[in-house]
Amino acid sequence: MYNRHILFSKDWRTIMDTRIQKLAKLLVEYSCEVKPGEKVLGNYEGESTRPLVRQIIKEIYRVGGVPFA
């Protein structure tokens, strides 16, 4: 027998990861228009924002920016 809660949790995280990736890409490329070599200061509050912040940092590196805190 399988645990439905665990399966649901894994699926939910996958869906949220996709949303977080899309939002981070939109924020970095469109809203902030981060360019290669540009320094980007990030500030966040609370543990619930950590997955989005991590993805934003990855996106900044991907476009050639330099995140710092």
C-alpha atoms as a PDB file:
ATOM      1  CA  MET A   1       0.000   0.000   0.000  1.00  0.00           C
ATOM      2  CA  TYR A   2       1.222   3.512  -0.721  1.00  0.00           C
ATOM      3  CA  ASN A   3       0.887   6.721   1.227  1.00  0.00           C
ATOM      4  CA  ARG A   4      -1.238   9.200  -0.738  1.00  0.00           C
ATOM      5  CA  HIS A   5      -0.028  12.162   1.271  1.00  0.00           C
ATOM      6  CA  ILE A   6       3.595  11.569   0.271  1.00  0.00           C
ATOM      7  CA  LEU A   7       2.693  11.162  -3.399  1.00  0.00           C
ATOM      8  CA  PHE A   8       0.598  14.322  -3.305  1.00  0.00           C
ATOM      9  CA  SER A   9       3.387  16.242  -1.577  1.00  0.00           C
ATOM     10  CA  LYS A  10       5.922  15.243  -4.228  1.00  0.00           C
ATOM     11  CA  ASP A  11       3.568  16.232  -7.045  1.00  0.00           C
ATOM     12  CA  TRP A  12       2.724  19.527  -5.333  1.00  0.00           C
ATOM     13  CA  ARG A  13       6.391  20.458  -4.953  1.00  0.00           C
ATOM     14  CA  THR A  14       7.014  19.707  -8.632  1.00  0.00           C
ATOM     15  CA  ILE A  15       4.139  21.959  -9.656  1.00  0.00           C
ATOM     16  CA  MET A  16       5.310  24.741  -7.349  1.00  0.00           C
ATOM     17  CA  ASP A  17       8.896  24.401  -8.571  1.00  0.00           C
ATOM     18  CA  THR A  18       7.700  25.005 -12.121  1.00  0.00           C
ATOM     19  CA  ARG A  19       5.774  28.087 -11.021  1.00  0.00           C
ATOM     20  CA  ILE A  20       8.714  29.374  -9.034  1.00  0.00           C
ATOM     21  CA  GLN A  21      11.047  28.861 -11.994  1.00  0.00           C
ATOM     22  CA  LYS A  22       8.712  30.773 -14.297  1.00  0.00           C
ATOM     23  CA  LEU A  23       8.258  33.613 -11.819  1.00  0.00           C
ATOM     24  CA  ALA A  24      11.996  33.906 -11.148  1.00  0.00           C
ATOM     25  CA  LYS A  25      12.752  34.025 -14.866  1.00  0.00           C
ATOM     26  CA  LEU A  26      10.092  36.688 -15.396  1.00  0.00           C
ATOM     27  CA  LEU A  27      11.407  38.806 -12.515  1.00  0.00           C
ATOM     28  CA  VAL A  28      15.033  38.600 -13.647  1.00  0.00           C
ATOM     29  CA  GLU A  29      14.598  38.927 -17.415  1.00  0.00           C
ATOM     30  CA  TYR A  30      11.563  41.195 -17.722  1.00  0.00           C
ATOM     31  CA  SER A  31      10.889  43.095 -14.506  1.00  0.00           C
ATOM     32  CA  CYS A  32      14.501  43.802 -13.514  1.00  0.00           C
ATOM     33  CA  GLU A  33      16.118  43.337 -16.952  1.00  0.00           C
ATOM     34  CA  VAL A  34      19.343  42.012 -15.398  1.00  0.00           C
ATOM     35  CA  LYS A  35      22.293  42.373 -17.778  1.00  0.00           C
ATOM     36  CA  PRO A  36      25.637  40.494 -17.806  1.00  0.00           C
ATOM     37  CA  GLY A  37      28.017  41.839 -15.176  1.00  0.00           C
ATOM     38  CA  GLU A  38      25.291  43.745 -13.357  1.00  0.00           C
ATOM     39  CA  LYS A  39      25.274  43.452  -9.546  1.00  0.00           C
ATOM     40  CA  VAL A  40      21.899  42.597  -8.028  1.00  0.00           C
ATOM     41  CA  LEU A  41      21.138  43.053  -4.333  1.00  0.00           C
ATOM     42  CA  GLY A  42      18.614  40.623  -2.936  1.00  0.00           C
ATOM     43  CA  ASN A  43      16.766  40.946   0.353  1.00  0.00           C
ATOM     44  CA  TYR A  44      14.096  38.624   1.690  1.00  0.00           C
ATOM     45  CA  GLU A  45      12.199  37.847   4.874  1.00  0.00           C
ATOM     46  CA  GLY A  46      10.896  34.535   6.120  1.00  0.00           C
ATOM     47  CA  GLU A  47      11.527  30.907   5.331  1.00  0.00           C
ATOM     48  CA  SER A  48       8.576  30.640   2.960  1.00  0.00           C
ATOM     49  CA  THR A  49      10.321  32.872   0.402  1.00  0.00           C
ATOM     50  CA  ARG A  50      13.537  30.848   0.335  1.00  0.00           C
ATOM     51  CA  PRO A  51      12.675  28.636  -2.703  1.00  0.00           C
ATOM     52  CA  LEU A  52      11.836  31.701  -4.813  1.00  0.00           C
ATOM     53  CA  VAL A  53      14.962  33.551  -3.683  1.00  0.00           C
ATOM     54  CA  ARG A  54      17.160  30.561  -4.530  1.00  0.00           C
ATOM     55  CA  GLN A  55      15.648  30.338  -7.998  1.00  0.00           C
ATOM     56  CA  ILE A  56      16.039  34.080  -8.549  1.00  0.00           C
ATOM     57  CA  ILE A  57      19.733  33.790  -7.666  1.00  0.00           C
ATOM     58  CA  LYS A  58      20.110  30.922 -10.157  1.00  0.00           C
ATOM     59  CA  GLU A  59      18.421  33.026 -12.838  1.00  0.00           C
ATOM     60  CA  ILE A  60      20.669  36.007 -12.110  1.00  0.00           C
ATOM     61  CA  TYR A  61      23.737  33.804 -12.582  1.00  0.00           C
ATOM     62  CA  ARG A  62      22.208  32.318 -15.739  1.00  0.00           C
ATOM     63  CA  VAL A  63      21.879  35.721 -17.411  1.00  0.00           C
ATOM     64  CA  GLY A  64      25.393  36.734 -16.308  1.00  0.00           C
ATOM     65  CA  GLY A  65      24.479  38.927 -13.363  1.00  0.00           C
ATOM     66  CA  VAL A  66      26.204  38.921  -9.973  1.00  0.00           C
ATOM     67  CA  PRO A  67      23.895  38.435  -6.982  1.00  0.00           C
ATOM     68  CA  PHE A  68      25.063  39.643  -3.585  1.00  0.00           C
ATOM     69  CA  ALA A  69      23.622  40.240  -0.138  1.00  0.00           C
END
